[in-house]
Amino acid sequence: MRIDTCGTSCPQPVLMTKKALDSNPAADKIEVLTDNNTSKTNVKKYLSSNGFNVEIEEDDDTFVLRGTK
């Protein structure tokens, strides 16, 4: 599952991530795109607190957070 949160500011990226996971509770992989540091940090914390291991890749001005269980 992939979520593009670029152009939004907190708390929207975390809420979008939560909504996606709530609608698919069996998900064991998620990819979240964001374009600011605060969202990157907050989404990473949210995913980690929900049992995901998170890897972050920076691509120009976009961060790609890949969460796996």
PDB file of N, CA and C in Angstrom:
ATOM      1  N   MET A   1       0.846  -1.157   0.000  1.00  0.00           N
ATOM      2  CA  MET A   1       0.000   0.000   0.000  1.00  0.00           C
ATOM      3  C   MET A   1       0.899   1.231   0.000  1.00  0.00           C
ATOM      4  N   ARG A   2       0.508   2.224  -0.769  1.00  0.00           N
ATOM      5  CA  ARG A   2       1.313   3.438  -0.911  1.00  0.00           C
ATOM      6  C   ARG A   2       0.435   4.657  -0.667  1.00  0.00           C
ATOM      7  N   ILE A   3       0.940   5.575   0.154  1.00  0.00           N
ATOM      8  CA  ILE A   3       0.196   6.786   0.483  1.00  0.00           C
ATOM      9  C   ILE A   3       1.070   7.989   0.139  1.00  0.00           C
ATOM     10  N   ASP A   4       0.524   8.912  -0.609  1.00  0.00           N
ATOM     11  CA  ASP A   4       1.246  10.133  -0.959  1.00  0.00           C
ATOM     12  C   ASP A   4       0.684  11.280  -0.116  1.00  0.00           C
ATOM     13  N   THR A   5       1.483  11.740   0.840  1.00  0.00           N
ATOM     14  CA  THR A   5       1.044  12.822   1.714  1.00  0.00           C
ATOM     15  C   THR A   5       1.733  14.141   1.375  1.00  0.00           C
ATOM     16  N   CYS A   6       2.418  14.184   0.231  1.00  0.00           N
ATOM     17  CA  CYS A   6       3.129  15.401  -0.157  1.00  0.00           C
ATOM     18  C   CYS A   6       2.150  16.569  -0.288  1.00  0.00           C
ATOM     19  N   GLY A   7       2.592  17.715   0.173  1.00  0.00           N
ATOM     20  CA  GLY A   7       1.754  18.906   0.097  1.00  0.00           C
ATOM     21  C   GLY A   7       0.851  19.094   1.299  1.00  0.00           C
ATOM     22  N   THR A   8       0.877  18.135   2.229  1.00  0.00           N
ATOM     23  CA  THR A   8       0.066  18.271   3.438  1.00  0.00           C
ATOM     24  C   THR A   8       0.993  18.483   4.626  1.00  0.00           C
ATOM     25  N   SER A   9       0.455  19.089   5.671  1.00  0.00           N
ATOM     26  CA  SER A   9       1.271  19.298   6.870  1.00  0.00           C
ATOM     27  C   SER A   9       0.638  18.555   8.037  1.00  0.00           C
ATOM     28  N   CYS A  10       1.427  18.351   9.074  1.00  0.00           N
ATOM     29  CA  CYS A  10       0.952  17.606  10.241  1.00  0.00           C
ATOM     30  C   CYS A  10      -0.230  18.319  10.875  1.00  0.00           C
ATOM     31  N   PRO A  11      -1.181  17.529  11.290  1.00  0.00           N
ATOM     32  CA  PRO A  11      -1.139  16.085  11.490  1.00  0.00           C
ATOM     33  C   PRO A  11      -1.669  15.256  10.318  1.00  0.00           C
ATOM     34  N   GLN A  12      -1.970  15.879   9.181  1.00  0.00           N
ATOM     35  CA  GLN A  12      -2.582  15.154   8.058  1.00  0.00           C
ATOM     36  C   GLN A  12      -1.840  13.886   7.641  1.00  0.00           C
ATOM     37  N   PRO A  13      -0.516  13.900   7.447  1.00  0.00           N
ATOM     38  CA  PRO A  13       0.161  12.670   7.023  1.00  0.00           C
ATOM     39  C   PRO A  13      -0.015  11.513   8.006  1.00  0.00           C
ATOM     40  N   VAL A  14       0.017  11.802   9.295  1.00  0.00           N
ATOM     41  CA  VAL A  14      -0.186  10.739  10.287  1.00  0.00           C
ATOM     42  C   VAL A  14      -1.626  10.240  10.226  1.00  0.00           C
ATOM     43  N   LEU A  15      -2.578  11.160  10.103  1.00  0.00           N
ATOM     44  CA  LEU A  15      -3.991  10.759  10.022  1.00  0.00           C
ATOM     45  C   LEU A  15      -4.266   9.949   8.762  1.00  0.00           C
ATOM     46  N   MET A  16      -3.642  10.320   7.646  1.00  0.00           N
ATOM     47  CA  MET A  16      -3.813   9.563   6.404  1.00  0.00           C
ATOM     48  C   MET A  16      -3.220   8.166   6.537  1.00  0.00           C
ATOM     49  N   THR A  17      -2.079   8.076   7.204  1.00  0.00           N
ATOM     50  CA  THR A  17      -1.444   6.775   7.432  1.00  0.00           C
ATOM     51  C   THR A  17      -2.310   5.913   8.333  1.00  0.00           C
ATOM     52  N   LYS A  18      -2.841   6.508   9.398  1.00  0.00           N
ATOM     53  CA  LYS A  18      -3.716   5.781  10.326  1.00  0.00           C
ATOM     54  C   LYS A  18      -4.963   5.277   9.602  1.00  0.00           C
ATOM     55  N   LYS A  19      -5.569   6.129   8.793  1.00  0.00           N
ATOM     56  CA  LYS A  19      -6.779   5.734   8.061  1.00  0.00           C
ATOM     57  C   LYS A  19      -6.496   4.561   7.124  1.00  0.00           C
ATOM     58  N   ALA A  20      -5.360   4.603   6.440  1.00  0.00           N
ATOM     59  CA  ALA A  20      -4.994   3.515   5.521  1.00  0.00           C
ATOM     60  C   ALA A  20      -4.792   2.211   6.280  1.00  0.00           C
ATOM     61  N   LEU A  21      -4.124   2.282   7.429  1.00  0.00           N
ATOM     62  CA  LEU A  21      -3.892   1.064   8.219  1.00  0.00           C
ATOM     63  C   LEU A  21      -5.186   0.564   8.859  1.00  0.00           C
ATOM     64  N   ASP A  22      -6.050   1.477   9.290  1.00  0.00           N
ATOM     65  CA  ASP A  22      -7.342   1.076   9.866  1.00  0.00           C
ATOM     66  C   ASP A  22      -8.207   0.362   8.834  1.00  0.00           C
ATOM     67  N   SER A  23      -8.117   0.798   7.571  1.00  0.00           N
ATOM     68  CA  SER A  23      -8.938   0.178   6.526  1.00  0.00           C
ATOM     69  C   SER A  23      -8.338  -1.129   6.017  1.00  0.00           C
ATOM     70  N   ASN A  24      -7.087  -1.398   6.386  1.00  0.00           N
ATOM     71  CA  ASN A  24      -6.431  -2.633   5.971  1.00  0.00           C
ATOM     72  C   ASN A  24      -5.583  -3.152   7.139  1.00  0.00           C
ATOM     73  N   PRO A  25      -6.224  -3.648   8.192  1.00  0.00           N
ATOM     74  CA  PRO A  25      -5.493  -4.034   9.403  1.00  0.00           C
ATOM     75  C   PRO A  25      -4.501  -5.187   9.210  1.00  0.00           C
ATOM     76  N   ALA A  26      -4.628  -5.947   8.149  1.00  0.00           N
ATOM     77  CA  ALA A  26      -3.711  -7.067   7.917  1.00  0.00           C
ATOM     78  C   ALA A  26      -2.458  -6.632   7.151  1.00  0.00           C
ATOM     79  N   ALA A  27      -2.360  -5.352   6.829  1.00  0.00           N
ATOM     80  CA  ALA A  27      -1.215  -4.868   6.045  1.00  0.00           C
ATOM     81  C   ALA A  27       0.088  -5.125   6.788  1.00  0.00           C
ATOM     82  N   ASP A  28       1.048  -5.683   6.061  1.00  0.00           N
ATOM     83  CA  ASP A  28       2.364  -5.893   6.662  1.00  0.00           C
ATOM     84  C   ASP A  28       3.436  -5.060   5.960  1.00  0.00           C
ATOM     85  N   LYS A  29       2.998  -4.278   4.953  1.00  0.00           N
ATOM     86  CA  LYS A  29       3.898  -3.353   4.253  1.00  0.00           C
ATOM     87  C   LYS A  29       3.141  -2.071   3.968  1.00  0.00           C
ATOM     88  N   ILE A  30       3.848  -0.960   4.113  1.00  0.00           N
ATOM     89  CA  ILE A  30       3.256   0.327   3.774  1.00  0.00           C
ATOM     90  C   ILE A  30       4.377   1.246   3.310  1.00  0.00           C
ATOM     91  N   GLU A  31       4.052   2.106   2.367  1.00  0.00           N
ATOM     92  CA  GLU A  31       5.006   3.092   1.880  1.00  0.00           C
ATOM     93  C   GLU A  31       4.329   4.453   1.953  1.00  0.00           C
ATOM     94  N   VAL A  32       4.973   5.390   2.638  1.00  0.00           N
ATOM     95  CA  VAL A  32       4.407   6.728   2.807  1.00  0.00           C
ATOM     96  C   VAL A  32       5.374   7.745   2.225  1.00  0.00           C
ATOM     97  N   LEU A  33       4.874   8.591   1.341  1.00  0.00           N
ATOM     98  CA  LEU A  33       5.669   9.666   0.766  1.00  0.00           C
ATOM     99  C   LEU A  33       5.307  10.962   1.480  1.00  0.00           C
ATOM    100  N   THR A  34       6.316  11.721   1.854  1.00  0.00           N
ATOM    101  CA  THR A  34       6.088  13.024   2.463  1.00  0.00           C
ATOM    102  C   THR A  34       7.180  13.978   2.004  1.00  0.00           C
ATOM    103  N   ASP A  35       6.909  15.265   2.133  1.00  0.00           N
ATOM    104  CA  ASP A  35       7.882  16.244   1.637  1.00  0.00           C
ATOM    105  C   ASP A  35       8.339  17.224   2.714  1.00  0.00           C
ATOM    106  N   ASN A  36       8.185  16.825   4.003  1.00  0.00           N
ATOM    107  CA  ASN A  36       8.740  17.690   5.040  1.00  0.00           C
ATOM    108  C   ASN A  36       9.235  16.877   6.228  1.00  0.00           C
ATOM    109  N   ASN A  37      10.215  17.435   6.912  1.00  0.00           N
ATOM    110  CA  ASN A  37      10.885  16.730   8.003  1.00  0.00           C
ATOM    111  C   ASN A  37       9.974  16.398   9.167  1.00  0.00           C
ATOM    112  N   THR A  38       9.086  17.315   9.522  1.00  0.00           N
ATOM    113  CA  THR A  38       8.199  17.073  10.662  1.00  0.00           C
ATOM    114  C   THR A  38       7.296  15.883  10.389  1.00  0.00           C
ATOM    115  N   SER A  39       6.723  15.832   9.210  1.00  0.00           N
ATOM    116  CA  SER A  39       5.863  14.701   8.855  1.00  0.00           C
ATOM    117  C   SER A  39       6.660  13.410   8.813  1.00  0.00           C
ATOM    118  N   LYS A  40       7.872  13.475   8.274  1.00  0.00           N
ATOM    119  CA  LYS A  40       8.731  12.290   8.220  1.00  0.00           C
ATOM    120  C   LYS A  40       8.926  11.729   9.620  1.00  0.00           C
ATOM    121  N   THR A  41       9.264  12.587  10.555  1.00  0.00           N
ATOM    122  CA  THR A  41       9.499  12.162  11.935  1.00  0.00           C
ATOM    123  C   THR A  41       8.241  11.607  12.575  1.00  0.00           C
ATOM    124  N   ASN A  42       7.116  12.305  12.405  1.00  0.00           N
ATOM    125  CA  ASN A  42       5.872  11.885  13.048  1.00  0.00           C
ATOM    126  C   ASN A  42       5.305  10.599  12.452  1.00  0.00           C
ATOM    127  N   VAL A  43       5.386  10.443  11.136  1.00  0.00           N
ATOM    128  CA  VAL A  43       4.902   9.204  10.507  1.00  0.00           C
ATOM    129  C   VAL A  43       5.788   8.032  10.926  1.00  0.00           C
ATOM    130  N   LYS A  44       7.095   8.261  10.991  1.00  0.00           N
ATOM    131  CA  LYS A  44       8.003   7.199  11.437  1.00  0.00           C
ATOM    132  C   LYS A  44       7.651   6.762  12.859  1.00  0.00           C
ATOM    133  N   LYS A  45       7.427   7.714  13.748  1.00  0.00           N
ATOM    134  CA  LYS A  45       7.056   7.381  15.129  1.00  0.00           C
ATOM    135  C   LYS A  45       5.744   6.600  15.163  1.00  0.00           C
ATOM    136  N   TYR A  46       4.776   7.037  14.363  1.00  0.00           N
ATOM    137  CA  TYR A  46       3.479   6.354  14.340  1.00  0.00           C
ATOM    138  C   TYR A  46       3.625   4.914  13.844  1.00  0.00           C
ATOM    139  N   LEU A  47       4.345   4.728  12.750  1.00  0.00           N
ATOM    140  CA  LEU A  47       4.518   3.382  12.210  1.00  0.00           C
ATOM    141  C   LEU A  47       5.270   2.494  13.202  1.00  0.00           C
ATOM    142  N   SER A  48       6.323   3.025  13.791  1.00  0.00           N
ATOM    143  CA  SER A  48       7.105   2.255  14.767  1.00  0.00           C
ATOM    144  C   SER A  48       6.247   1.837  15.950  1.00  0.00           C
ATOM    145  N   SER A  49       5.391   2.744  16.412  1.00  0.00           N
ATOM    146  CA  SER A  49       4.539   2.420  17.557  1.00  0.00           C
ATOM    147  C   SER A  49       3.470   1.389  17.211  1.00  0.00           C
ATOM    148  N   ASN A  50       3.272   1.152  15.919  1.00  0.00           N
ATOM    149  CA  ASN A  50       2.313   0.150  15.471  1.00  0.00           C
ATOM    150  C   ASN A  50       2.995  -1.101  14.937  1.00  0.00           C
ATOM    151  N   GLY A  51       4.249  -1.311  15.345  1.00  0.00           N
ATOM    152  CA  GLY A  51       4.933  -2.567  15.052  1.00  0.00           C
ATOM    153  C   GLY A  51       5.660  -2.647  13.730  1.00  0.00           C
ATOM    154  N   PHE A  52       5.818  -1.531  13.040  1.00  0.00           N
ATOM    155  CA  PHE A  52       6.509  -1.539  11.756  1.00  0.00           C
ATOM    156  C   PHE A  52       7.981  -1.194  11.948  1.00  0.00           C
ATOM    157  N   ASN A  53       8.833  -1.868  11.187  1.00  0.00           N
ATOM    158  CA  ASN A  53      10.230  -1.457  11.052  1.00  0.00           C
ATOM    159  C   ASN A  53      10.251  -0.466   9.897  1.00  0.00           C
ATOM    160  N   VAL A  54      10.876   0.677  10.116  1.00  0.00           N
ATOM    161  CA  VAL A  54      10.792   1.751   9.124  1.00  0.00           C
ATOM    162  C   VAL A  54      12.169   2.077   8.556  1.00  0.00           C
ATOM    163  N   GLU A  55      12.233   2.088   7.226  1.00  0.00           N
ATOM    164  CA  GLU A  55      13.420   2.552   6.513  1.00  0.00           C
ATOM    165  C   GLU A  55      13.027   3.828   5.779  1.00  0.00           C
ATOM    166  N   ILE A  56      13.937   4.793   5.781  1.00  0.00           N
ATOM    167  CA  ILE A  56      13.645   6.072   5.137  1.00  0.00           C
ATOM    168  C   ILE A  56      14.650   6.301   4.016  1.00  0.00           C
ATOM    169  N   GLU A  57      14.106   6.655   2.866  1.00  0.00           N
ATOM    170  CA  GLU A  57      14.932   6.991   1.700  1.00  0.00           C
ATOM    171  C   GLU A  57      14.592   8.421   1.302  1.00  0.00           C
ATOM    172  N   GLU A  58      15.617   9.212   1.048  1.00  0.00           N
ATOM    173  CA  GLU A  58      15.383  10.587   0.615  1.00  0.00           C
ATOM    174  C   GLU A  58      15.611  10.679  -0.879  1.00  0.00           C
ATOM    175  N   ASP A  59      14.619  11.203  -1.590  1.00  0.00           N
ATOM    176  CA  ASP A  59      14.680  11.343  -3.034  1.00  0.00           C
ATOM    177  C   ASP A  59      14.378  12.805  -3.364  1.00  0.00           C
ATOM    178  N   ASP A  60      15.410  13.579  -3.648  1.00  0.00           N
ATOM    179  CA  ASP A  60      15.276  15.025  -3.844  1.00  0.00           C
ATOM    180  C   ASP A  60      14.644  15.642  -2.599  1.00  0.00           C
ATOM    181  N   ASP A  61      13.471  16.239  -2.731  1.00  0.00           N
ATOM    182  CA  ASP A  61      12.809  16.869  -1.586  1.00  0.00           C
ATOM    183  C   ASP A  61      11.720  15.989  -1.003  1.00  0.00           C
ATOM    184  N   THR A  62      11.709  14.720  -1.359  1.00  0.00           N
ATOM    185  CA  THR A  62      10.677  13.802  -0.890  1.00  0.00           C
ATOM    186  C   THR A  62      11.311  12.699  -0.058  1.00  0.00           C
ATOM    187  N   PHE A  63      10.618  12.333   1.024  1.00  0.00           N
ATOM    188  CA  PHE A  63      11.043  11.223   1.854  1.00  0.00           C
ATOM    189  C   PHE A  63      10.107  10.051   1.596  1.00  0.00           C
ATOM    190  N   VAL A  64      10.688   8.871   1.437  1.00  0.00           N
ATOM    191  CA  VAL A  64       9.906   7.663   1.263  1.00  0.00           C
ATOM    192  C   VAL A  64      10.129   6.809   2.514  1.00  0.00           C
ATOM    193  N   LEU A  65       9.063   6.609   3.270  1.00  0.00           N
ATOM    194  CA  LEU A  65       9.125   5.777   4.470  1.00  0.00           C
ATOM    195  C   LEU A  65       8.546   4.415   4.124  1.00  0.00           C
ATOM    196  N   ARG A  66       9.354   3.381   4.276  1.00  0.00           N
ATOM    197  CA  ARG A  66       8.903   2.023   3.981  1.00  0.00           C
ATOM    198  C   ARG A  66       8.789   1.265   5.289  1.00  0.00           C
ATOM    199  N   GLY A  67       7.558   0.895   5.621  1.00  0.00           N
ATOM    200  CA  GLY A  67       7.318   0.153   6.849  1.00  0.00           C
ATOM    201  C   GLY A  67       7.014  -1.297   6.550  1.00  0.00           C
ATOM    202  N   THR A  68       7.669  -2.193   7.277  1.00  0.00           N
ATOM    203  CA  THR A  68       7.404  -3.630   7.144  1.00  0.00           C
ATOM    204  C   THR A  68       7.273  -4.230   8.526  1.00  0.00           C
ATOM    205  N   LYS A  69       6.456  -5.278   8.610  1.00  0.00           N
ATOM    206  CA  LYS A  69       6.295  -5.996   9.886  1.00  0.00           C
ATOM    207  C   LYS A  69       7.053  -7.288   9.808  1.00  0.00           C
TER     208      LYS A  69
END
